[in-house]
């Protein structure tokens, strides 16, 4: 068996992949362009990818190809009709990053809620040294307890965030962009109610016809001026120009984003205009990527490959 990793850098150099070598020959490429893929997969039985496009032009000459493994949940980069026509199986992975994304959600919230950048700078710039009193709280902050946390997208991650928020004493509500049936044990509201009542709003929804451009100028205007908005779902759920305007005009208090419409960040992204870290905090799509989550992810992929060939 020949297993080819086409963008191994997206997994990280610190994750042990030796288990794959027990299955056969392994070839790893840090990154692959669509132009490089055909030659690299020509004699592959299995390809392991993250963002690489898989279609007739990239794998059309891979006559031995039997299985495509995506090291992510989303599969928009797969031409599934083409793969079906060739009887090539594909697998993706869900649920591996729940704890990691939930943890990052709260890291982002507390960075913004407690103005941590300001206080870190205050100390490191030596302004606390020999100050006149023992405390300094120029940038005021509030407790999470008693606040209303609105969740958009109540899947595994949304439910985990809900449980942690409740442990901090927050009141949790959620809205379903697709209008799915209420989930037992959770307080579902309509979108307008969520936008109007929430002190914190976090997005944990997939990108689809219900969520693309969901958070636009109209929705942002309905939020509290004190609202902290967090997007840990998909970048195109938010209209970035509208969010930038809302932050500049003070329509909401702050935003934390781990996902953007274009990744890596485009030079044309309007959010680059905002330099105040108390208003905007962006991380480079890392919420999913704890060591434990990436280890779990590759363990699942390894199991999928073993299972597929055992059943052949």
Protein backbone atom coordinates (compact mmCIF):
# COMPACT_ATOMS: atom_id res chain seq x y z
CA UNK A 1 0.00 0.00 0.00
CA UNK A 2 1.22 3.48 -0.84
CA UNK A 3 -0.11 6.32 1.36
CA UNK A 4 0.56 9.87 0.23
CA UNK A 5 0.16 12.91 2.52
CA UNK A 6 -0.32 15.91 0.24
CA UNK A 7 -0.30 18.72 2.84
CA UNK A 8 1.31 17.19 5.91
CA UNK A 9 2.24 20.60 7.35
CA UNK A 10 -1.43 21.16 8.16
CA UNK A 11 -1.15 18.33 10.71
CA UNK A 12 2.09 19.59 12.27
CA UNK A 13 5.56 18.14 12.67
CA UNK A 14 4.96 17.21 16.31
CA UNK A 15 2.35 14.49 15.70
CA UNK A 16 3.52 10.87 15.56
CA UNK A 17 2.58 9.36 12.20
CA UNK A 18 4.64 6.18 12.55
CA UNK A 19 1.50 4.05 12.66
CA UNK A 20 0.89 4.76 8.98
CA UNK A 21 4.32 3.34 8.08
CA UNK A 22 3.22 -0.02 9.49
CA UNK A 23 0.59 -0.17 6.74
CA UNK A 24 2.93 0.36 3.81
CA UNK A 25 5.03 3.00 2.05
CA UNK A 26 4.38 6.56 3.20
CA UNK A 27 5.26 9.68 1.22
CA UNK A 28 4.78 13.11 2.81
CA UNK A 29 4.67 16.47 1.09
CA UNK A 30 4.47 19.62 3.24
CA UNK A 31 2.12 21.32 0.76
CA UNK A 32 0.85 20.54 -2.74
CA UNK A 33 -0.59 22.78 -5.40
CA UNK A 34 -3.25 21.49 -7.76
CA UNK A 35 -0.60 21.41 -10.48
CA UNK A 36 1.70 19.21 -8.37
CA UNK A 37 -0.96 16.72 -7.25
CA UNK A 38 -1.31 14.56 -10.42
CA UNK A 39 2.32 13.45 -10.41
CA UNK A 40 2.44 13.00 -6.64
CA UNK A 41 -0.62 10.71 -6.49
CA UNK A 42 0.03 8.72 -9.66
CA UNK A 43 0.78 5.46 -7.78
CA UNK A 44 -1.06 6.21 -4.52
CA UNK A 45 -3.56 3.80 -2.99
CA UNK A 46 -4.55 6.29 -0.30
CA UNK A 47 -4.19 10.05 -0.17
CA UNK A 48 -4.44 12.06 3.05
CA UNK A 49 -5.38 15.70 2.57
CA UNK A 50 -6.75 18.75 4.29
CA UNK A 51 -7.44 21.53 1.78
CA UNK A 52 -6.15 20.00 -1.48
CA UNK A 53 -8.75 19.89 -4.27
CA UNK A 54 -9.65 16.33 -5.31
CA UNK A 55 -11.29 16.10 -8.71
CA UNK A 56 -10.76 14.71 -12.20
CA UNK A 57 -7.95 17.12 -13.00
CA UNK A 58 -5.95 16.36 -9.85
CA UNK A 59 -6.45 12.60 -9.40
CA UNK A 60 -7.61 11.55 -12.86
CA UNK A 61 -4.35 9.70 -13.53
CA UNK A 62 -4.22 8.02 -10.12
CA UNK A 63 -5.39 4.62 -11.37
CA UNK A 64 -4.58 2.81 -8.08
CA UNK A 65 -6.38 5.30 -5.87
CA UNK A 66 -8.92 3.64 -3.58
CA UNK A 67 -9.40 5.96 -0.60
CA UNK A 68 -9.26 9.72 0.11
CA UNK A 69 -8.96 10.72 3.77
CA UNK A 70 -9.72 14.32 4.75
CA UNK A 71 -8.10 15.48 7.99
CA UNK A 72 -11.08 17.74 8.71
CA UNK A 73 -14.86 17.72 8.95
CA UNK A 74 -15.57 19.80 5.85
CA UNK A 75 -15.39 18.10 2.45
CA UNK A 76 -16.12 20.99 0.08
CA UNK A 77 -12.79 20.28 -1.64
CA UNK A 78 -13.95 16.84 -2.82
CA UNK A 79 -15.74 16.24 -6.11
CA UNK A 80 -17.83 13.45 -4.68
CA UNK A 81 -19.65 12.70 -7.93
CA UNK A 82 -16.33 12.11 -9.65
CA UNK A 83 -15.06 9.93 -6.80
CA UNK A 84 -18.27 7.90 -6.90
CA UNK A 85 -17.89 7.42 -10.64
CA UNK A 86 -14.43 5.96 -10.03
CA UNK A 87 -15.58 3.92 -7.01
CA UNK A 88 -13.05 5.80 -4.86
CA UNK A 89 -14.09 5.95 -1.20
CA UNK A 90 -13.65 9.03 0.97
CA UNK A 91 -13.63 9.63 4.69
CA UNK A 92 -13.72 12.74 6.85
CA UNK A 93 -13.50 13.19 10.62
CA UNK A 94 -15.93 14.83 13.02
CA UNK A 95 -15.89 15.36 16.77
CA UNK A 96 -12.12 15.27 17.25
CA UNK A 97 -11.76 18.97 18.12
CA UNK A 98 -14.73 19.61 20.41
CA UNK A 99 -12.69 20.19 23.58
CA UNK A 100 -10.05 22.22 21.75
CA UNK A 101 -12.52 24.59 20.09
CA UNK A 102 -14.59 25.00 23.25
CA UNK A 103 -11.44 25.85 25.20
CA UNK A 104 -10.35 28.39 22.59
CA UNK A 105 -13.79 29.97 22.64
CA UNK A 106 -13.34 30.84 26.29
CA UNK A 107 -9.72 31.91 25.80
CA UNK A 108 -10.94 34.44 23.23
CA UNK A 109 -13.83 35.56 25.40
CA UNK A 110 -11.72 36.23 28.48
CA UNK A 111 -9.04 38.01 26.46
CA UNK A 112 -11.72 40.47 25.33
CA UNK A 113 -13.98 40.48 28.39
CA UNK A 114 -11.20 41.16 30.89
CA UNK A 115 -9.13 43.47 28.60
CA UNK A 116 -6.12 41.21 29.08
CA UNK A 117 -4.02 42.82 26.35
CA UNK A 118 -4.34 46.19 28.08
CA UNK A 119 -3.34 44.83 31.50
CA UNK A 120 -0.45 42.77 30.12
CA UNK A 121 0.90 45.85 28.33
CA UNK A 122 0.36 47.97 31.46
CA UNK A 123 2.67 45.73 33.48
CA UNK A 124 5.24 44.99 30.77
CA UNK A 125 5.57 48.69 29.94
CA UNK A 126 6.53 49.24 33.60
CA UNK A 127 3.55 51.44 34.34
CA UNK A 128 2.68 49.25 37.35
CA UNK A 129 6.19 49.57 38.74
CA UNK A 130 6.14 52.10 41.61
CA UNK A 131 2.52 53.01 40.85
CA UNK A 132 0.69 54.96 43.54
CA UNK A 133 -1.76 52.22 44.65
CA UNK A 134 -1.78 48.43 44.70
CA UNK A 135 -4.50 48.05 42.05
CA UNK A 136 -5.26 49.47 38.64
CA UNK A 137 -8.55 48.90 36.84
CA UNK A 138 -8.66 51.70 34.31
CA UNK A 139 -10.20 49.33 31.77
CA UNK A 140 -13.33 48.07 33.48
CA UNK A 141 -14.57 44.52 32.98
CA UNK A 142 -17.55 42.45 34.05
CA UNK A 143 -18.32 38.98 35.33
CA UNK A 144 -19.59 36.23 33.06
CA UNK A 145 -21.96 35.05 35.79
CA UNK A 146 -25.44 36.39 35.16
CA UNK A 147 -24.80 37.24 31.52
CA UNK A 148 -26.80 35.77 28.63
CA UNK A 149 -24.74 33.69 26.21
CA UNK A 150 -26.29 33.11 22.81
CA UNK A 151 -25.05 30.19 20.72
CA UNK A 152 -25.62 29.94 16.97
CA UNK A 153 -25.28 26.29 15.97
CA UNK A 154 -25.85 23.77 18.76
CA UNK A 155 -23.81 20.80 17.60
CA UNK A 156 -21.17 19.00 19.66
CA UNK A 157 -19.06 22.13 20.09
CA UNK A 158 -22.04 24.39 20.77
CA UNK A 159 -23.31 22.04 23.47
CA UNK A 160 -19.87 21.86 25.10
CA UNK A 161 -19.62 25.64 25.13
CA UNK A 162 -23.10 25.79 26.64
CA UNK A 163 -22.14 23.48 29.51
CA UNK A 164 -19.00 25.48 30.32
CA UNK A 165 -20.83 28.80 30.09
CA UNK A 166 -23.47 27.51 32.50
CA UNK A 167 -20.72 26.40 34.89
CA UNK A 168 -19.57 30.04 34.97
CA UNK A 169 -23.10 31.08 35.83
CA UNK A 170 -24.21 32.35 32.43
CA UNK A 171 -27.73 31.91 31.09
CA UNK A 172 -27.51 30.07 27.75
CA UNK A 173 -29.88 30.39 24.82
CA UNK A 174 -29.41 29.18 21.25
CA UNK A 175 -30.80 29.64 17.76
CA UNK A 176 -30.78 27.25 14.81
CA UNK A 177 -30.18 28.99 11.46
CA UNK A 178 -31.75 26.01 9.65
CA UNK A 179 -34.81 25.97 11.91
CA UNK A 180 -34.14 22.51 13.32
CA UNK A 181 -36.31 21.11 16.09
CA UNK A 182 -35.56 22.14 19.68
CA UNK A 183 -33.00 20.07 21.57
CA UNK A 184 -34.08 18.75 24.93
CA UNK A 185 -32.38 20.48 27.84
CA UNK A 186 -31.52 23.65 25.91
CA UNK A 187 -33.43 26.91 25.52
CA UNK A 188 -34.04 27.57 21.83
CA UNK A 189 -35.11 31.06 20.71
CA UNK A 190 -35.54 32.72 17.34
CA UNK A 191 -32.57 34.54 15.84
CA UNK A 192 -33.88 38.04 16.57
CA UNK A 193 -34.37 37.18 20.24
CA UNK A 194 -30.87 35.76 20.49
CA UNK A 195 -29.34 38.85 18.87
CA UNK A 196 -31.34 41.22 21.05
CA UNK A 197 -30.84 39.51 24.43
CA UNK A 198 -27.31 38.09 24.33
CA UNK A 199 -24.32 39.65 26.07
CA UNK A 200 -22.02 37.15 24.35
CA UNK A 201 -22.76 35.49 21.01
CA UNK A 202 -20.66 32.61 19.71
CA UNK A 203 -21.00 30.92 16.33
CA UNK A 204 -20.31 27.18 16.07
CA UNK A 205 -22.29 26.43 12.90
CA UNK A 206 -21.19 24.90 9.59
CA UNK A 207 -21.15 26.93 6.40
CA UNK A 208 -24.25 26.22 4.31
CA UNK A 209 -27.14 27.97 2.60
CA UNK A 210 -28.58 28.94 5.98
CA UNK A 211 -25.41 30.45 7.43
CA UNK A 212 -23.48 32.08 4.58
CA UNK A 213 -23.41 35.84 5.22
CA UNK A 214 -25.74 35.27 8.18
CA UNK A 215 -24.05 37.88 10.36
CA UNK A 216 -24.45 41.05 8.32
CA UNK A 217 -25.11 44.73 9.03
CA UNK A 218 -28.76 44.09 9.82
CA UNK A 219 -27.95 41.38 12.37
CA UNK A 220 -25.13 43.37 13.95
CA UNK A 221 -27.43 46.37 14.45
CA UNK A 222 -29.75 44.14 16.51
CA UNK A 223 -27.00 43.18 18.96
CA UNK A 224 -26.37 44.98 22.24
CA UNK A 225 -23.71 47.68 22.08
CA UNK A 226 -22.05 45.80 24.94
CA UNK A 227 -22.10 42.47 23.06
CA UNK A 228 -18.95 40.41 22.49
CA UNK A 229 -19.28 38.44 19.26
CA UNK A 230 -17.20 35.29 18.62
CA UNK A 231 -16.96 33.30 15.39
CA UNK A 232 -15.45 29.83 15.66
CA UNK A 233 -17.56 28.32 12.88
CA UNK A 234 -16.63 29.34 9.34
CA UNK A 235 -15.40 32.68 8.04
CA UNK A 236 -18.05 33.33 5.37
CA UNK A 237 -20.79 33.18 8.01
CA UNK A 238 -19.77 36.80 8.74
CA UNK A 239 -19.79 39.70 6.29
CA UNK A 240 -16.40 41.08 7.27
CA UNK A 241 -16.95 44.62 5.97
CA UNK A 242 -20.16 44.85 7.99
CA UNK A 243 -18.42 43.57 11.12
CA UNK A 244 -15.59 46.05 10.64
CA UNK A 245 -18.09 48.90 10.33
CA UNK A 246 -19.97 47.73 13.42
CA UNK A 247 -16.79 47.70 15.48
CA UNK A 248 -15.67 51.10 14.20
CA UNK A 249 -19.09 52.62 14.89
CA UNK A 250 -19.45 51.03 18.33
CA UNK A 251 -22.49 48.95 17.39
CA UNK A 252 -20.97 46.06 19.38
CA UNK A 253 -18.25 46.06 22.02
CA UNK A 254 -15.78 43.57 20.57
CA UNK A 255 -15.30 40.58 18.30
CA UNK A 256 -13.11 37.49 18.44
CA UNK A 257 -12.54 35.48 15.26
CA UNK A 258 -10.67 32.26 14.64
CA UNK A 259 -11.91 31.96 11.05
CA UNK A 260 -11.95 34.38 8.11
CA UNK A 261 -13.53 34.46 4.66
CA UNK A 262 -10.10 34.03 3.07
CA UNK A 263 -7.33 32.13 4.82
CA UNK A 264 -4.51 33.03 5.16
CA UNK A 265 -5.78 36.57 5.74
CA UNK A 266 -6.13 38.63 2.59
CA UNK A 267 -4.33 41.99 2.37
CA UNK A 268 -7.73 43.35 1.31
CA UNK A 269 -9.51 42.17 4.47
CA UNK A 270 -11.23 45.24 5.96
CA UNK A 271 -10.63 43.97 9.50
CA UNK A 272 -6.97 44.88 9.11
CA UNK A 273 -8.08 48.46 9.70
CA UNK A 274 -8.79 47.72 13.37
CA UNK A 275 -5.62 47.77 15.46
CA UNK A 276 -7.24 47.99 18.90
CA UNK A 277 -6.95 44.55 20.53
CA UNK A 278 -9.65 45.46 23.03
CA UNK A 279 -12.09 45.63 20.11
CA UNK A 280 -10.87 42.84 17.84
CA UNK A 281 -8.94 39.65 18.48
CA UNK A 282 -8.14 37.34 15.55
CA UNK A 283 -6.35 34.01 15.79
CA UNK A 284 -5.14 32.16 12.66
CA UNK A 285 -7.59 29.23 12.56
CA UNK A 286 -5.99 27.48 15.53
CA UNK A 287 -8.99 26.64 17.73
CA UNK A 288 -9.09 23.05 16.44
CA UNK A 289 -5.35 22.45 16.73
CA UNK A 290 -4.45 21.44 20.28
CA UNK A 291 -1.90 18.63 20.41
CA UNK A 292 -4.58 16.31 21.77
CA UNK A 293 -7.04 17.17 19.00
CA UNK A 294 -4.50 16.66 16.23
CA UNK A 295 -3.34 13.39 17.78
CA UNK A 296 -6.96 12.25 18.06
CA UNK A 297 -7.58 13.29 14.45
CA UNK A 298 -4.73 11.26 13.01
CA UNK A 299 -5.62 8.27 15.17
CA UNK A 300 -9.08 8.31 13.62
CA UNK A 301 -7.64 8.60 10.10
CA UNK A 302 -5.32 5.66 10.74
CA UNK A 303 -8.26 3.61 11.97
CA UNK A 304 -10.30 4.52 8.89
CA UNK A 305 -7.57 3.29 6.55
CA UNK A 306 -7.18 0.03 8.45
CA UNK A 307 -10.94 -0.54 8.51
CA UNK A 308 -11.34 0.15 4.80
CA UNK A 309 -8.71 -2.34 3.69
CA UNK A 310 -9.81 -4.97 6.18
CA UNK A 311 -13.27 -4.88 4.63
CA UNK A 312 -12.07 -5.14 1.03
